Amino acid sequence: MKALKVLLISLAALVAAMIVIPLTILAGLFVWLKLTEETDEEEMELDDAV
């Protein structure tokens, strides 16, 4: 019974990791995109001024 409980807990942790890790990566990419998007706009404004 104890082995079954350990197996279920490890399976639940694995499923949680499979959900959380990709969401964290996507959130990081989204933040990076937003940060680089702002700097790209500033560079474009500088190019237009030149």
Protein backbone atom coordinates (compact mmCIF):
# COMPACT_ATOMS: atom_id res chain seq x y z
CA MET A 1 0.00 0.00 0.00
CA LYS A 2 2.86 2.36 0.83
CA ALA A 3 4.50 1.70 -2.55
CA LEU A 4 1.23 2.55 -4.31
CA LYS A 5 0.99 5.82 -2.39
CA VAL A 6 4.58 6.74 -3.32
CA LEU A 7 3.87 5.85 -6.95
CA LEU A 8 0.74 8.00 -7.06
CA ILE A 9 2.53 10.96 -5.44
CA SER A 10 5.43 10.71 -7.88
CA LEU A 11 3.00 10.45 -10.81
CA ALA A 12 1.11 13.53 -9.59
CA ALA A 13 4.40 15.44 -9.24
CA LEU A 14 5.40 14.43 -12.77
CA VAL A 15 2.07 15.60 -14.23
CA ALA A 16 2.32 18.88 -12.30
CA ALA A 17 5.85 19.43 -13.62
CA MET A 18 4.70 18.70 -17.19
CA ILE A 19 2.12 21.48 -16.81
CA VAL A 20 4.11 24.05 -14.81
CA ILE A 21 7.44 23.92 -16.69
CA PRO A 22 6.05 24.72 -20.19
CA LEU A 23 3.84 27.46 -18.75
CA THR A 24 6.87 28.99 -17.03
CA ILE A 25 8.85 28.86 -20.28
CA LEU A 26 5.99 30.47 -22.21
CA ALA A 27 5.62 33.20 -19.58
CA GLY A 28 9.35 33.91 -19.77
CA LEU A 29 9.25 34.10 -23.56
CA PHE A 30 6.24 36.43 -23.40
CA VAL A 31 8.01 38.77 -20.97
CA TRP A 32 11.17 38.67 -23.11
CA LEU A 33 9.12 39.47 -26.21
CA LYS A 34 7.45 42.42 -24.51
CA LEU A 35 10.79 43.78 -23.27
CA THR A 36 12.49 43.43 -26.65
CA GLU A 37 9.44 44.84 -28.45
CA GLU A 38 9.79 48.11 -26.54
CA THR A 39 13.49 48.42 -27.34
CA ASP A 40 12.79 47.66 -31.02
CA GLU A 41 10.29 50.52 -31.15
CA GLU A 42 12.83 52.89 -29.61
CA GLU A 43 15.44 51.85 -32.17
CA MET A 44 12.92 52.41 -34.97
CA GLU A 45 12.20 55.91 -33.69
CA LEU A 46 15.93 56.65 -33.65
CA ASP A 47 16.28 55.33 -37.22
CA ASP A 48 13.44 57.59 -38.39
CA ALA A 49 15.09 60.63 -36.82
CA VAL A 50 18.39 60.02 -38.60
